[in-house]
Amino acid sequence: MNRRKKIKSILTKKAKQANLKANPKNKPKYISKAERAKLEAEANPMSSSEPDTTQEDNQ
């Protein structure tokens, strides 16, 4: 029984691995809220910290 069980488990493992390799996941990797905020801050560093000077020039 143990020999059969071991052989069966090895074969099912191989089948599962082959199935996973044949059908890769297309789901994007999860990015945490903190990481998203950090990436957004890096992408727009000037927009939030720079004061609006267009009104001063018009006066």
N, C-alpha and C. Protein backbone atom coordinates (compact mmCIF):
# COMPACT_ATOMS: atom_id res chain seq x y z
N MET A 1 0.83 -1.20 0.00
CA MET A 1 0.00 0.00 0.00
C MET A 1 0.87 1.25 0.00
N ASN A 2 1.90 1.28 0.84
CA ASN A 2 2.75 2.47 0.92
C ASN A 2 3.46 2.74 -0.40
N ARG A 3 3.91 1.66 -1.06
CA ARG A 3 4.61 1.84 -2.33
C ARG A 3 3.66 2.44 -3.36
N ARG A 4 2.44 1.92 -3.42
CA ARG A 4 1.44 2.44 -4.36
C ARG A 4 1.12 3.91 -4.07
N LYS A 5 0.95 4.21 -2.80
CA LYS A 5 0.61 5.57 -2.38
C LYS A 5 1.73 6.53 -2.76
N LYS A 6 2.97 6.10 -2.55
CA LYS A 6 4.11 6.95 -2.86
C LYS A 6 4.21 7.20 -4.37
N ILE A 7 4.05 6.15 -5.15
CA ILE A 7 4.11 6.28 -6.61
C ILE A 7 2.98 7.18 -7.10
N LYS A 8 1.78 6.97 -6.55
CA LYS A 8 0.65 7.79 -6.95
C LYS A 8 0.88 9.25 -6.59
N SER A 9 1.41 9.53 -5.41
CA SER A 9 1.66 10.91 -5.01
C SER A 9 2.72 11.57 -5.89
N ILE A 10 3.74 10.81 -6.27
CA ILE A 10 4.77 11.35 -7.15
C ILE A 10 4.17 11.69 -8.51
N LEU A 11 3.35 10.80 -9.05
CA LEU A 11 2.75 11.04 -10.36
C LEU A 11 1.76 12.20 -10.33
N THR A 12 0.99 12.31 -9.26
CA THR A 12 0.05 13.43 -9.17
C THR A 12 0.80 14.75 -9.02
N LYS A 13 1.91 14.74 -8.29
CA LYS A 13 2.73 15.93 -8.16
C LYS A 13 3.26 16.38 -9.51
N LYS A 14 3.75 15.41 -10.29
CA LYS A 14 4.27 15.72 -11.62
C LYS A 14 3.16 16.27 -12.52
N ALA A 15 1.98 15.68 -12.42
CA ALA A 15 0.85 16.13 -13.24
C ALA A 15 0.44 17.55 -12.86
N LYS A 16 0.41 17.84 -11.56
CA LYS A 16 0.06 19.18 -11.10
C LYS A 16 1.09 20.20 -11.58
N GLN A 17 2.37 19.86 -11.49
CA GLN A 17 3.42 20.78 -11.93
C GLN A 17 3.32 21.04 -13.43
N ALA A 18 3.05 19.99 -14.20
CA ALA A 18 2.91 20.16 -15.65
C ALA A 18 1.70 21.03 -15.97
N ASN A 19 0.62 20.85 -15.23
CA ASN A 19 -0.59 21.65 -15.43
C ASN A 19 -0.34 23.12 -15.10
N LEU A 20 0.38 23.37 -14.02
CA LEU A 20 0.70 24.75 -13.64
C LEU A 20 1.61 25.41 -14.67
N LYS A 21 2.54 24.65 -15.20
CA LYS A 21 3.46 25.20 -16.18
C LYS A 21 2.75 25.49 -17.50
N ALA A 22 1.80 24.66 -17.86
CA ALA A 22 1.07 24.83 -19.12
C ALA A 22 0.08 25.98 -19.04
N ASN A 23 -0.46 26.27 -17.86
CA ASN A 23 -1.45 27.33 -17.68
C ASN A 23 -0.94 28.35 -16.68
N PRO A 24 -0.08 29.27 -17.11
CA PRO A 24 0.44 30.27 -16.16
C PRO A 24 -0.64 31.26 -15.75
N LYS A 25 -0.46 31.84 -14.59
CA LYS A 25 -1.44 32.79 -14.07
C LYS A 25 -1.27 34.13 -14.79
N ASN A 26 -2.37 34.74 -15.16
CA ASN A 26 -2.36 36.03 -15.82
C ASN A 26 -2.72 37.16 -14.86
N LYS A 27 -2.93 36.80 -13.62
CA LYS A 27 -3.34 37.78 -12.62
C LYS A 27 -2.13 38.64 -12.24
N PRO A 28 -2.29 39.96 -12.19
CA PRO A 28 -1.16 40.81 -11.81
C PRO A 28 -0.80 40.63 -10.33
N LYS A 29 0.46 40.87 -10.04
CA LYS A 29 0.94 40.73 -8.68
C LYS A 29 0.31 41.80 -7.79
N TYR A 30 -0.05 41.45 -6.56
CA TYR A 30 -0.69 42.38 -5.63
C TYR A 30 0.32 43.41 -5.15
N ILE A 31 -0.08 44.67 -5.17
CA ILE A 31 0.75 45.76 -4.67
C ILE A 31 0.00 46.39 -3.50
N SER A 32 0.66 46.44 -2.35
CA SER A 32 0.00 46.96 -1.15
C SER A 32 -0.30 48.45 -1.28
N LYS A 33 -1.18 48.91 -0.43
CA LYS A 33 -1.62 50.31 -0.45
C LYS A 33 -0.43 51.24 -0.20
N ALA A 34 0.45 50.86 0.71
CA ALA A 34 1.62 51.68 1.02
C ALA A 34 2.56 51.75 -0.18
N GLU A 35 2.74 50.62 -0.86
CA GLU A 35 3.60 50.60 -2.05
C GLU A 35 3.01 51.45 -3.16
N ARG A 36 1.67 51.39 -3.33
CA ARG A 36 1.03 52.21 -4.36
C ARG A 36 1.22 53.69 -4.08
N ALA A 37 1.08 54.08 -2.82
CA ALA A 37 1.26 55.48 -2.44
C ALA A 37 2.70 55.91 -2.67
N LYS A 38 3.63 55.04 -2.35
CA LYS A 38 5.05 55.34 -2.54
C LYS A 38 5.37 55.50 -4.03
N LEU A 39 4.84 54.60 -4.86
CA LEU A 39 5.07 54.70 -6.30
C LEU A 39 4.44 55.96 -6.88
N GLU A 40 3.27 56.32 -6.39
CA GLU A 40 2.59 57.52 -6.86
C GLU A 40 3.38 58.77 -6.47
N ALA A 41 3.93 58.77 -5.26
CA ALA A 41 4.72 59.91 -4.80
C ALA A 41 6.00 60.04 -5.63
N GLU A 42 6.59 58.93 -6.01
CA GLU A 42 7.79 58.97 -6.84
C GLU A 42 7.46 59.44 -8.26
N ALA A 43 6.30 59.09 -8.74
CA ALA A 43 5.91 59.47 -10.10
C ALA A 43 5.56 60.95 -10.18
N ASN A 44 4.99 61.52 -9.13
CA ASN A 44 4.59 62.93 -9.13
C ASN A 44 5.24 63.69 -7.97
N PRO A 45 6.55 63.83 -7.95
CA PRO A 45 7.17 64.51 -6.80
C PRO A 45 6.97 66.02 -6.82
N MET A 46 6.83 66.63 -7.99
CA MET A 46 6.74 68.08 -8.08
C MET A 46 5.32 68.60 -7.91
N SER A 47 4.32 67.83 -8.29
CA SER A 47 2.95 68.33 -8.32
C SER A 47 2.40 68.67 -6.94
N SER A 48 2.74 67.94 -5.92
CA SER A 48 2.16 68.20 -4.60
C SER A 48 2.98 69.18 -3.78
N SER A 49 4.29 69.27 -3.97
CA SER A 49 5.11 70.12 -3.12
C SER A 49 5.36 71.51 -3.72
N GLU A 50 5.15 71.71 -5.01
CA GLU A 50 5.42 72.99 -5.66
C GLU A 50 4.21 73.92 -5.56
N PRO A 51 4.39 75.13 -5.08
CA PRO A 51 3.25 76.06 -4.99
C PRO A 51 2.85 76.56 -6.37
N ASP A 52 1.62 76.99 -6.48
CA ASP A 52 1.09 77.47 -7.75
C ASP A 52 1.53 78.92 -7.95
N THR A 53 2.38 79.17 -8.97
CA THR A 53 2.92 80.51 -9.19
C THR A 53 2.21 81.24 -10.31
N THR A 54 1.24 80.65 -10.96
CA THR A 54 0.56 81.28 -12.10
C THR A 54 -0.26 82.49 -11.64
N GLN A 55 -0.85 82.46 -10.46
CA GLN A 55 -1.64 83.58 -9.98
C GLN A 55 -0.77 84.77 -9.62
N GLU A 56 0.42 84.55 -9.08
CA GLU A 56 1.33 85.62 -8.70
C GLU A 56 1.85 86.35 -9.94
N ASP A 57 2.08 85.61 -11.04
CA ASP A 57 2.58 86.22 -12.27
C ASP A 57 1.53 87.10 -12.94
N ASN A 58 0.27 86.78 -12.80
CA ASN A 58 -0.79 87.52 -13.46
C ASN A 58 -1.09 88.85 -12.78
N GLN A 59 -0.73 89.04 -11.52
CA GLN A 59 -1.07 90.27 -10.78
C GLN A 59 -0.09 91.38 -10.99
